[in-house]
Amino acid sequence: MSRFAREARKRVLFLDGAMGTSIHNLPDLSLEDDYLGRENCTEVLLLTRPELIQGIHETFLEAGSDAVETDTFNASTHTMEDQDLEDRVFELNKIGAEVARAACDKFATHERPKFVVGSMGPGTKLITLGQIDWDTLFHSYREQARGLIAGGADALLLETCQDILQVKCAVNACVSALKEAGLEPALDYGDDHEITGDIPIMVQVTIEQFGTTLVGTDIAGCVAALRDFPVYSLGMNCATGPVEMGEHVRYLGDHWRRKLSLLPNAGLPQLVDGQTVFPLGPEPLAEKVAEYTQRY
């Protein structure tokens, strides 16, 4: 049975902050030596500077995170093709999970376990827009999930999802990878039911400011489309701050009967002196997220 799911039934679990901006704030990284000539491909640092990625995980764990997301947001085959790294997808994800696991093991106690959440982003091509076909996307996500599972991930998180067909395909790919490993997706339908399975498949969609995903599905459509899939939790991340998510969080609280997850930005991003900044300070962000956890 999933320790992650057992712990999440007891209390709210806190995930970490933004991996991408944390990496870009690292000083003195060489494009050629550290990034291997691949600008903004943060996943390649798992091959060249894994100790830096582990260090970022440790800063979040030290601050109180219960779980950290792996540095694998773009490490699917169809995305790594753009970096000529498609043949190293399994390796990247395995290392990503192992690095996060090493950080978690340094901070975990019997009372407070720490969890590795395998990050799986939307990639650069969507089925609904005709940019990729189902089978290609399925095998891309399956290879990513295989690596994360082999590296010791406690949960798989499909995040920043913009296309329900992409989500369905990725969930199926995760189930296939779990089955190959002799595992099942973890599910929790509440205190009146037993927790089943081994590794949760979490889904977070991105609802834009205009009220739907990029390809036009509102939160009600997401709930309806995913209700019969083995999805442990449904929620939102990216695009907006917690205030803008309010109506959608309320709908999830009323209509999604499994776990919820929420990773808002610290307000809507703003461009100040050529730099992207997030205006919401720690206290107002915490207050709004606390309100959601209490109500939903």
C-alpha atoms as a PDB file:
ATOM      1  CA  MET A   1       0.000   0.000   0.000  1.00  0.00           C
ATOM      2  CA  SER A   2       1.178   3.527  -0.825  1.00  0.00           C
ATOM      3  CA  ARG A   3       2.850   5.273   2.128  1.00  0.00           C
ATOM      4  CA  PHE A   4       2.225   8.557   0.317  1.00  0.00           C
ATOM      5  CA  ALA A   5      -1.523   7.873   0.197  1.00  0.00           C
ATOM      6  CA  ARG A   6      -1.605   6.739   3.828  1.00  0.00           C
ATOM      7  CA  GLU A   7       0.145   9.914   4.929  1.00  0.00           C
ATOM      8  CA  ALA A   8      -2.082  12.143   2.772  1.00  0.00           C
ATOM      9  CA  ARG A   9      -5.149  10.658   4.460  1.00  0.00           C
ATOM     10  CA  LYS A  10      -3.806  11.846   7.830  1.00  0.00           C
ATOM     11  CA  ARG A  11      -2.903  15.429   6.921  1.00  0.00           C
ATOM     12  CA  VAL A  12      -2.257  17.975   4.210  1.00  0.00           C
ATOM     13  CA  LEU A  13       1.027  17.264   2.427  1.00  0.00           C
ATOM     14  CA  PHE A  14       3.134  20.208   1.302  1.00  0.00           C
ATOM     15  CA  LEU A  15       4.990  20.056  -1.988  1.00  0.00           C
ATOM     16  CA  ASP A  16       7.998  22.164  -2.894  1.00  0.00           C
ATOM     17  CA  GLY A  17       8.353  25.400  -4.810  1.00  0.00           C
ATOM     18  CA  ALA A  18       9.405  26.116  -8.374  1.00  0.00           C
ATOM     19  CA  MET A  19      12.259  23.950  -9.640  1.00  0.00           C
ATOM     20  CA  GLY A  20      12.820  25.894 -12.861  1.00  0.00           C
ATOM     21  CA  THR A  21      13.343  29.314 -11.296  1.00  0.00           C
ATOM     22  CA  SER A  22      15.459  27.758  -8.543  1.00  0.00           C
ATOM     23  CA  ILE A  23      17.783  26.284 -11.167  1.00  0.00           C
ATOM     24  CA  HIS A  24      17.972  29.524 -13.138  1.00  0.00           C
ATOM     25  CA  ASN A  25      18.988  31.323  -9.941  1.00  0.00           C
ATOM     26  CA  LEU A  26      22.067  29.105  -9.595  1.00  0.00           C
ATOM     27  CA  PRO A  27      25.239  31.128 -10.237  1.00  0.00           C
ATOM     28  CA  ASP A  28      28.050  30.437 -12.661  1.00  0.00           C
ATOM     29  CA  LEU A  29      26.652  27.580 -14.720  1.00  0.00           C
ATOM     30  CA  SER A  30      28.397  27.007 -18.053  1.00  0.00           C
ATOM     31  CA  LEU A  31      26.316  26.571 -21.191  1.00  0.00           C
ATOM     32  CA  GLU A  32      28.888  24.211 -22.676  1.00  0.00           C
ATOM     33  CA  ASP A  33      30.088  22.267 -19.636  1.00  0.00           C
ATOM     34  CA  ASP A  34      26.970  22.158 -17.437  1.00  0.00           C
ATOM     35  CA  TYR A  35      24.175  22.396 -20.018  1.00  0.00           C
ATOM     36  CA  LEU A  36      26.139  20.519 -22.710  1.00  0.00           C
ATOM     37  CA  GLY A  37      25.250  23.282 -25.155  1.00  0.00           C
ATOM     38  CA  ARG A  38      21.505  22.863 -24.531  1.00  0.00           C
ATOM     39  CA  GLU A  39      20.243  26.235 -23.354  1.00  0.00           C
ATOM     40  CA  ASN A  40      17.424  26.112 -20.764  1.00  0.00           C
ATOM     41  CA  CYS A  41      17.369  22.296 -20.744  1.00  0.00           C
ATOM     42  CA  THR A  42      17.478  22.028 -16.965  1.00  0.00           C
ATOM     43  CA  GLU A  43      17.092  18.240 -17.050  1.00  0.00           C
ATOM     44  CA  VAL A  44      20.598  17.844 -18.499  1.00  0.00           C
ATOM     45  CA  LEU A  45      21.994  19.008 -15.157  1.00  0.00           C
ATOM     46  CA  LEU A  46      20.999  15.597 -13.825  1.00  0.00           C
ATOM     47  CA  LEU A  47      23.798  14.229 -15.988  1.00  0.00           C
ATOM     48  CA  THR A  48      26.384  16.918 -15.305  1.00  0.00           C
ATOM     49  CA  ARG A  49      25.601  18.493 -11.900  1.00  0.00           C
ATOM     50  CA  PRO A  50      23.229  16.209  -9.959  1.00  0.00           C
ATOM     51  CA  GLU A  51      24.577  17.546  -6.658  1.00  0.00           C
ATOM     52  CA  LEU A  52      23.141  20.979  -7.496  1.00  0.00           C
ATOM     53  CA  ILE A  53      19.693  19.523  -8.115  1.00  0.00           C
ATOM     54  CA  GLN A  54      19.881  17.553  -4.879  1.00  0.00           C
ATOM     55  CA  GLY A  55      20.854  20.763  -3.108  1.00  0.00           C
ATOM     56  CA  ILE A  56      17.712  22.497  -4.373  1.00  0.00           C
ATOM     57  CA  HIS A  57      15.580  19.601  -3.150  1.00  0.00           C
ATOM     58  CA  GLU A  58      17.240  19.874   0.239  1.00  0.00           C
ATOM     59  CA  THR A  59      16.462  23.590   0.574  1.00  0.00           C
ATOM     60  CA  PHE A  60      12.749  22.842   0.137  1.00  0.00           C
ATOM     61  CA  LEU A  61      12.856  19.896   2.539  1.00  0.00           C
ATOM     62  CA  GLU A  62      14.676  22.021   5.097  1.00  0.00           C
ATOM     63  CA  ALA A  63      11.940  24.648   4.745  1.00  0.00           C
ATOM     64  CA  GLY A  64       9.298  22.035   5.580  1.00  0.00           C
ATOM     65  CA  SER A  65       8.243  20.333   2.356  1.00  0.00           C
ATOM     66  CA  ASP A  66       6.791  16.852   2.727  1.00  0.00           C
ATOM     67  CA  ALA A  67       7.569  16.056  -0.903  1.00  0.00           C
ATOM     68  CA  VAL A  68       9.795  17.307  -3.716  1.00  0.00           C
ATOM     69  CA  GLU A  69       9.229  17.139  -7.446  1.00  0.00           C
ATOM     70  CA  THR A  70      11.909  15.647  -9.648  1.00  0.00           C
ATOM     71  CA  ASP A  71      13.801  17.767 -12.183  1.00  0.00           C
ATOM     72  CA  THR A  72      12.099  15.869 -15.033  1.00  0.00           C
ATOM     73  CA  PHE A  73       9.326  18.208 -16.182  1.00  0.00           C
ATOM     74  CA  ASN A  74      10.420  18.005 -19.827  1.00  0.00           C
ATOM     75  CA  ALA A  75      12.102  14.584 -19.701  1.00  0.00           C
ATOM     76  CA  SER A  76       9.677  12.744 -21.972  1.00  0.00           C
ATOM     77  CA  THR A  77      10.801  11.247 -25.259  1.00  0.00           C
ATOM     78  CA  HIS A  78       8.820  13.582 -27.507  1.00  0.00           C
ATOM     79  CA  THR A  79      10.299  16.620 -25.738  1.00  0.00           C
ATOM     80  CA  MET A  80      13.851  15.335 -25.397  1.00  0.00           C
ATOM     81  CA  GLU A  81      13.938  14.778 -29.173  1.00  0.00           C
ATOM     82  CA  ASP A  82      14.406  18.535 -29.463  1.00  0.00           C
ATOM     83  CA  GLN A  83      17.568  18.187 -27.363  1.00  0.00           C
ATOM     84  CA  ASP A  84      18.921  15.041 -29.071  1.00  0.00           C
ATOM     85  CA  LEU A  85      18.483  13.201 -25.765  1.00  0.00           C
ATOM     86  CA  GLU A  86      15.577  10.917 -26.634  1.00  0.00           C
ATOM     87  CA  ASP A  87      17.738   7.831 -26.103  1.00  0.00           C
ATOM     88  CA  ARG A  88      18.498   8.918 -22.522  1.00  0.00           C
ATOM     89  CA  VAL A  89      14.938   9.480 -21.287  1.00  0.00           C
ATOM     90  CA  PHE A  90      14.861   6.441 -18.993  1.00  0.00           C
ATOM     91  CA  GLU A  91      18.265   7.391 -17.568  1.00  0.00           C
ATOM     92  CA  LEU A  92      17.311  11.032 -16.964  1.00  0.00           C
ATOM     93  CA  ASN A  93      14.161  10.104 -15.102  1.00  0.00           C
ATOM     94  CA  LYS A  94      15.814   7.387 -13.067  1.00  0.00           C
ATOM     95  CA  ILE A  95      18.579   9.765 -11.988  1.00  0.00           C
ATOM     96  CA  GLY A  96      16.012  12.491 -11.291  1.00  0.00           C
ATOM     97  CA  ALA A  97      14.110  10.225  -8.898  1.00  0.00           C
ATOM     98  CA  GLU A  98      17.307   8.910  -7.291  1.00  0.00           C
ATOM     99  CA  VAL A  99      18.630  12.427  -6.643  1.00  0.00           C
ATOM    100  CA  ALA A 100      15.336  13.445  -5.054  1.00  0.00           C
ATOM    101  CA  ARG A 101      15.291  10.231  -3.023  1.00  0.00           C
ATOM    102  CA  ALA A 102      18.775  10.923  -1.677  1.00  0.00           C
ATOM    103  CA  ALA A 103      17.614  14.362  -0.522  1.00  0.00           C
ATOM    104  CA  CYS A 104      14.449  12.949   1.051  1.00  0.00           C
ATOM    105  CA  ASP A 105      16.363  10.259   2.905  1.00  0.00           C
ATOM    106  CA  LYS A 106      18.475  12.942   4.607  1.00  0.00           C
ATOM    107  CA  PHE A 107      15.406  14.639   6.068  1.00  0.00           C
ATOM    108  CA  ALA A 108      12.920  11.801   6.584  1.00  0.00           C
ATOM    109  CA  THR A 109      11.975  10.546  10.040  1.00  0.00           C
ATOM    110  CA  HIS A 110       9.639   7.755  11.082  1.00  0.00           C
ATOM    111  CA  GLU A 111       6.990  10.321  12.026  1.00  0.00           C
ATOM    112  CA  ARG A 112       7.604  12.577   9.046  1.00  0.00           C
ATOM    113  CA  PRO A 113       8.466  10.630   5.887  1.00  0.00           C
ATOM    114  CA  LYS A 114       9.553  12.584   2.807  1.00  0.00           C
ATOM    115  CA  PHE A 115       8.293  11.725  -0.653  1.00  0.00           C
ATOM    116  CA  VAL A 116       9.570  11.847  -4.230  1.00  0.00           C
ATOM    117  CA  VAL A 117       6.991  13.070  -6.741  1.00  0.00           C
ATOM    118  CA  GLY A 118       7.891  12.333 -10.353  1.00  0.00           C
ATOM    119  CA  SER A 119       7.251  15.451 -12.432  1.00  0.00           C
ATOM    120  CA  MET A 120       5.791  14.850 -15.913  1.00  0.00           C
ATOM    121  CA  GLY A 121       5.001  17.991 -17.902  1.00  0.00           C
ATOM    122  CA  PRO A 122       2.780  18.516 -20.963  1.00  0.00           C
ATOM    123  CA  GLY A 123       5.643  18.512 -23.449  1.00  0.00           C
ATOM    124  CA  THR A 124       5.657  20.558 -26.606  1.00  0.00           C
ATOM    125  CA  LYS A 125       3.056  18.721 -28.711  1.00  0.00           C
ATOM    126  CA  LEU A 126      -0.656  18.131 -28.072  1.00  0.00           C
ATOM    127  CA  ILE A 127      -2.932  15.475 -29.553  1.00  0.00           C
ATOM    128  CA  THR A 128      -5.977  17.729 -29.883  1.00  0.00           C
ATOM    129  CA  LEU A 129      -3.978  20.236 -31.924  1.00  0.00           C
ATOM    130  CA  GLY A 130      -2.818  17.446 -34.271  1.00  0.00           C
ATOM    131  CA  GLN A 131       0.834  17.879 -33.324  1.00  0.00           C
ATOM    132  CA  ILE A 132       1.380  14.270 -32.201  1.00  0.00           C
ATOM    133  CA  ASP A 133      -0.522  10.972 -32.349  1.00  0.00           C
ATOM    134  CA  TRP A 134      -1.730   8.865 -29.410  1.00  0.00           C
ATOM    135  CA  ASP A 135       0.714   5.975 -29.834  1.00  0.00           C
ATOM    136  CA  THR A 136       3.773   8.221 -30.040  1.00  0.00           C
ATOM    137  CA  LEU A 137       2.720  10.181 -26.966  1.00  0.00           C
ATOM    138  CA  PHE A 138       1.864   6.974 -25.088  1.00  0.00           C
ATOM    139  CA  HIS A 139       5.305   5.468 -25.608  1.00  0.00           C
ATOM    140  CA  SER A 140       6.949   8.790 -24.753  1.00  0.00           C
ATOM    141  CA  TYR A 141       5.232   9.046 -21.367  1.00  0.00           C
ATOM    142  CA  ARG A 142       5.601   5.337 -20.693  1.00  0.00           C
ATOM    143  CA  GLU A 143       9.382   5.559 -20.989  1.00  0.00           C
ATOM    144  CA  GLN A 144       9.408   8.563 -18.667  1.00  0.00           C
ATOM    145  CA  ALA A 145       7.239   6.794 -16.100  1.00  0.00           C
ATOM    146  CA  ARG A 146       9.428   3.673 -16.292  1.00  0.00           C
ATOM    147  CA  GLY A 147      12.478   5.713 -15.349  1.00  0.00           C
ATOM    148  CA  LEU A 148      10.749   7.510 -12.483  1.00  0.00           C
ATOM    149  CA  ILE A 149       9.435   4.243 -11.054  1.00  0.00           C
ATOM    150  CA  ALA A 150      12.847   2.591 -11.355  1.00  0.00           C
ATOM    151  CA  GLY A 151      14.429   5.537  -9.528  1.00  0.00           C
ATOM    152  CA  GLY A 152      12.067   5.207  -6.579  1.00  0.00           C
ATOM    153  CA  ALA A 153       9.315   7.796  -7.126  1.00  0.00           C
ATOM    154  CA  ASP A 154       6.509   7.632  -4.557  1.00  0.00           C
ATOM    155  CA  ALA A 155       3.987   9.310  -6.876  1.00  0.00           C
ATOM    156  CA  LEU A 156       3.701  10.372 -10.515  1.00  0.00           C
ATOM    157  CA  LEU A 157       2.451  13.898 -11.199  1.00  0.00           C
ATOM    158  CA  LEU A 158       1.119  14.869 -14.620  1.00  0.00           C
ATOM    159  CA  GLU A 159       1.250  18.641 -14.290  1.00  0.00           C
ATOM    160  CA  THR A 160       0.499  21.801 -16.255  1.00  0.00           C
ATOM    161  CA  CYS A 161      -1.865  19.721 -18.405  1.00  0.00           C
ATOM    162  CA  GLN A 162      -3.521  21.625 -21.226  1.00  0.00           C
ATOM    163  CA  ASP A 163      -5.243  18.883 -23.237  1.00  0.00           C
ATOM    164  CA  ILE A 164      -7.566  16.212 -21.799  1.00  0.00           C
ATOM    165  CA  LEU A 165      -6.545  13.777 -24.535  1.00  0.00           C
ATOM    166  CA  GLN A 166      -2.927  14.270 -23.468  1.00  0.00           C
ATOM    167  CA  VAL A 167      -3.939  13.532 -19.861  1.00  0.00           C
ATOM    168  CA  LYS A 168      -5.823  10.366 -20.775  1.00  0.00           C
ATOM    169  CA  CYS A 169      -2.919   9.141 -22.868  1.00  0.00           C
ATOM    170  CA  ALA A 170      -0.379   9.900 -20.132  1.00  0.00           C
ATOM    171  CA  VAL A 171      -2.477   8.203 -17.434  1.00  0.00           C
ATOM    172  CA  ASN A 172      -2.699   5.082 -19.591  1.00  0.00           C
ATOM    173  CA  ALA A 173       1.064   5.207 -20.113  1.00  0.00           C
ATOM    174  CA  CYS A 174       1.668   5.464 -16.365  1.00  0.00           C
ATOM    175  CA  VAL A 175      -0.643   2.513 -15.710  1.00  0.00           C
ATOM    176  CA  SER A 176       1.248   0.478 -18.316  1.00  0.00           C
ATOM    177  CA  ALA A 177       4.620   1.326 -16.740  1.00  0.00           C
ATOM    178  CA  LEU A 178       3.324   0.465 -13.274  1.00  0.00           C
ATOM    179  CA  LYS A 179       1.950  -2.856 -14.510  1.00  0.00           C
ATOM    180  CA  GLU A 180       5.314  -3.718 -16.056  1.00  0.00           C
ATOM    181  CA  ALA A 181       6.898  -3.106 -12.637  1.00  0.00           C
ATOM    182  CA  GLY A 182       4.304  -5.320 -10.922  1.00  0.00           C
ATOM    183  CA  LEU A 183       2.546  -2.314  -9.369  1.00  0.00           C
ATOM    184  CA  GLU A 184      -0.905  -0.723  -9.414  1.00  0.00           C
ATOM    185  CA  PRO A 185      -2.061   2.906  -9.321  1.00  0.00           C
ATOM    186  CA  ALA A 186      -2.912   3.941  -5.753  1.00  0.00           C
ATOM    187  CA  LEU A 187      -6.475   5.151  -5.158  1.00  0.00           C
ATOM    188  CA  ASP A 188      -8.247   6.601  -2.126  1.00  0.00           C
ATOM    189  CA  TYR A 189     -11.995   7.177  -2.183  1.00  0.00           C
ATOM    190  CA  GLY A 190     -12.170   8.430   1.405  1.00  0.00           C
ATOM    191  CA  ASP A 191     -12.258   7.160   4.961  1.00  0.00           C
ATOM    192  CA  ASP A 192     -15.059   4.678   4.280  1.00  0.00           C
ATOM    193  CA  HIS A 193     -12.868   2.863   1.752  1.00  0.00           C
ATOM    194  CA  GLU A 194      -9.506   1.162   1.941  1.00  0.00           C
ATOM    195  CA  ILE A 195      -6.542   2.685   0.145  1.00  0.00           C
ATOM    196  CA  THR A 196      -5.588   0.444  -2.758  1.00  0.00           C
ATOM    197  CA  GLY A 197      -2.557   0.226  -5.016  1.00  0.00           C
ATOM    198  CA  ASP A 198       1.069   1.261  -4.795  1.00  0.00           C
ATOM    199  CA  ILE A 199       1.900   4.547  -6.547  1.00  0.00           C
ATOM    200  CA  PRO A 200      -0.566   7.445  -7.002  1.00  0.00           C
ATOM    201  CA  ILE A 201      -1.085   9.064 -10.389  1.00  0.00           C
ATOM    202  CA  MET A 202      -1.755  12.750  -9.727  1.00  0.00           C
ATOM    203  CA  VAL A 203      -3.099  15.180 -12.339  1.00  0.00           C
ATOM    204  CA  GLN A 204      -2.908  18.967 -12.318  1.00  0.00           C
ATOM    205  CA  VAL A 205      -4.493  20.894 -15.173  1.00  0.00           C
ATOM    206  CA  THR A 206      -3.715  24.486 -16.043  1.00  0.00           C
ATOM    207  CA  ILE A 207      -6.797  26.696 -16.238  1.00  0.00           C
ATOM    208  CA  GLU A 208      -5.904  29.908 -18.020  1.00  0.00           C
ATOM    209  CA  GLN A 209      -7.205  33.362 -17.084  1.00  0.00           C
ATOM    210  CA  PHE A 210     -10.004  32.974 -19.640  1.00  0.00           C
ATOM    211  CA  GLY A 211     -11.445  30.059 -17.633  1.00  0.00           C
ATOM    212  CA  THR A 212     -10.446  26.938 -19.575  1.00  0.00           C
ATOM    213  CA  THR A 213      -7.395  24.911 -20.491  1.00  0.00           C
ATOM    214  CA  LEU A 214      -5.408  25.943 -23.544  1.00  0.00           C
ATOM    215  CA  VAL A 215      -7.574  23.774 -25.811  1.00  0.00           C
ATOM    216  CA  GLY A 216     -10.868  24.852 -24.266  1.00  0.00           C
ATOM    217  CA  THR A 217     -11.903  22.436 -21.479  1.00  0.00           C
ATOM    218  CA  ASP A 218     -13.302  23.968 -18.290  1.00  0.00           C
ATOM    219  CA  ILE A 219     -12.839  22.411 -14.849  1.00  0.00           C
ATOM    220  CA  ALA A 220     -16.223  20.667 -15.047  1.00  0.00           C
ATOM    221  CA  GLY A 221     -15.158  19.021 -18.283  1.00  0.00           C
ATOM    222  CA  CYS A 222     -11.891  17.882 -16.669  1.00  0.00           C
ATOM    223  CA  VAL A 223     -13.771  16.272 -13.786  1.00  0.00           C
ATOM    224  CA  ALA A 224     -16.207  14.533 -16.114  1.00  0.00           C
ATOM    225  CA  ALA A 225     -13.479  13.316 -18.456  1.00  0.00           C
ATOM    226  CA  LEU A 226     -11.248  11.880 -15.721  1.00  0.00           C
ATOM    227  CA  ARG A 227     -13.842  10.539 -13.280  1.00  0.00           C
ATOM    228  CA  ASP A 228     -13.472   6.939 -14.458  1.00  0.00           C
ATOM    229  CA  PHE A 229      -9.684   6.984 -14.789  1.00  0.00           C
ATOM    230  CA  PRO A 230      -7.369   5.685 -12.024  1.00  0.00           C
ATOM    231  CA  VAL A 231      -6.413   9.207 -10.973  1.00  0.00           C
ATOM    232  CA  TYR A 232      -5.512   9.593  -7.296  1.00  0.00           C
ATOM    233  CA  SER A 233      -5.824  13.378  -7.168  1.00  0.00           C
ATOM    234  CA  LEU A 234      -6.979  16.175  -9.435  1.00  0.00           C
ATOM    235  CA  GLY A 235      -6.026  19.802  -9.140  1.00  0.00           C
ATOM    236  CA  MET A 236      -4.415  22.798 -10.761  1.00  0.00           C
ATOM    237  CA  ASN A 237      -1.042  24.468 -11.115  1.00  0.00           C
ATOM    238  CA  CYS A 238       0.626  27.312 -12.964  1.00  0.00           C
ATOM    239  CA  ALA A 239      -0.898  30.160 -15.040  1.00  0.00           C
ATOM    240  CA  THR A 240      -2.678  31.976 -12.193  1.00  0.00           C
ATOM    241  CA  GLY A 241      -2.478  32.734  -8.502  1.00  0.00           C
ATOM    242  CA  PRO A 242      -4.665  31.262  -5.759  1.00  0.00           C
ATOM    243  CA  VAL A 243      -7.314  34.000  -5.921  1.00  0.00           C
ATOM    244  CA  GLU A 244      -7.930  33.442  -9.638  1.00  0.00           C
ATOM    245  CA  MET A 245      -8.263  29.692  -8.999  1.00  0.00           C
ATOM    246  CA  GLY A 246     -11.031  30.184  -6.444  1.00  0.00           C
ATOM    247  CA  GLU A 247     -14.071  29.318  -8.560  1.00  0.00           C
ATOM    248  CA  HIS A 248     -12.366  26.234  -9.990  1.00  0.00           C
ATOM    249  CA  VAL A 249     -11.195  25.044  -6.559  1.00  0.00           C
ATOM    250  CA  ARG A 250     -14.756  25.342  -5.280  1.00  0.00           C
ATOM    251  CA  TYR A 251     -16.015  23.219  -8.169  1.00  0.00           C
ATOM    252  CA  LEU A 252     -13.406  20.549  -7.485  1.00  0.00           C
ATOM    253  CA  GLY A 253     -14.294  20.552  -3.800  1.00  0.00           C
ATOM    254  CA  ASP A 254     -17.952  19.990  -4.635  1.00  0.00           C
ATOM    255  CA  HIS A 255     -17.626  17.478  -7.484  1.00  0.00           C
ATOM    256  CA  TRP A 256     -14.310  15.570  -7.311  1.00  0.00           C
ATOM    257  CA  ARG A 257     -14.583  12.798  -4.717  1.00  0.00           C
ATOM    258  CA  ARG A 258     -10.918  11.903  -4.454  1.00  0.00           C
ATOM    259  CA  LYS A 259      -7.921  13.944  -3.307  1.00  0.00           C
ATOM    260  CA  LEU A 260      -7.222  17.497  -4.469  1.00  0.00           C
ATOM    261  CA  SER A 261      -3.859  19.104  -5.171  1.00  0.00           C
ATOM    262  CA  LEU A 262      -3.121  22.757  -5.769  1.00  0.00           C
ATOM    263  CA  LEU A 263       0.130  24.487  -6.713  1.00  0.00           C
ATOM    264  CA  PRO A 264      -0.707  28.109  -7.550  1.00  0.00           C
ATOM    265  CA  ASN A 265       1.710  30.771  -8.605  1.00  0.00           C
ATOM    266  CA  ALA A 266       2.339  33.541  -6.096  1.00  0.00           C
ATOM    267  CA  GLY A 267      -0.114  35.742  -7.977  1.00  0.00           C
ATOM    268  CA  LEU A 268      -0.225  36.603 -11.655  1.00  0.00           C
ATOM    269  CA  PRO A 269       3.294  37.071 -13.064  1.00  0.00           C
ATOM    270  CA  GLN A 270       4.331  40.642 -13.839  1.00  0.00           C
ATOM    271  CA  LEU A 271       7.213  42.057 -15.854  1.00  0.00           C
ATOM    272  CA  VAL A 272       9.216  44.528 -13.751  1.00  0.00           C
ATOM    273  CA  ASP A 273      12.437  46.046 -15.125  1.00  0.00           C
ATOM    274  CA  GLY A 274      12.701  43.212 -17.623  1.00  0.00           C
ATOM    275  CA  GLN A 275      12.330  40.520 -14.939  1.00  0.00           C
ATOM    276  CA  THR A 276       9.340  38.264 -14.297  1.00  0.00           C
ATOM    277  CA  VAL A 277       8.183  38.644 -10.702  1.00  0.00           C
ATOM    278  CA  PHE A 278       5.314  37.193  -8.713  1.00  0.00           C
ATOM    279  CA  PRO A 279       3.613  39.853  -6.565  1.00  0.00           C
ATOM    280  CA  LEU A 280       2.060  37.777  -3.784  1.00  0.00           C
ATOM    281  CA  GLY A 281       4.155  37.621  -0.622  1.00  0.00           C
ATOM    282  CA  PRO A 282       4.438  34.536   1.595  1.00  0.00           C
ATOM    283  CA  GLU A 283       1.756  35.557   4.107  1.00  0.00           C
ATOM    284  CA  PRO A 284      -1.128  36.338   1.703  1.00  0.00           C
ATOM    285  CA  LEU A 285      -0.265  33.262  -0.370  1.00  0.00           C
ATOM    286  CA  ALA A 286      -0.298  31.094   2.755  1.00  0.00           C
ATOM    287  CA  GLU A 287      -3.579  32.599   3.950  1.00  0.00           C
ATOM    288  CA  LYS A 288      -5.383  31.848   0.702  1.00  0.00           C
ATOM    289  CA  VAL A 289      -4.047  28.309   0.390  1.00  0.00           C
ATOM    290  CA  ALA A 290      -4.929  27.692   4.067  1.00  0.00           C
ATOM    291  CA  GLU A 291      -8.478  28.810   3.351  1.00  0.00           C
ATOM    292  CA  TYR A 292      -8.764  26.288   0.530  1.00  0.00           C
ATOM    293  CA  THR A 293      -7.393  23.426   2.624  1.00  0.00           C
ATOM    294  CA  GLN A 294      -9.876  24.179   5.397  1.00  0.00           C
ATOM    295  CA  ARG A 295     -12.903  24.475   3.119  1.00  0.00           C
ATOM    296  CA  TYR A 296     -12.204  21.809   0.501  1.00  0.00           C
END
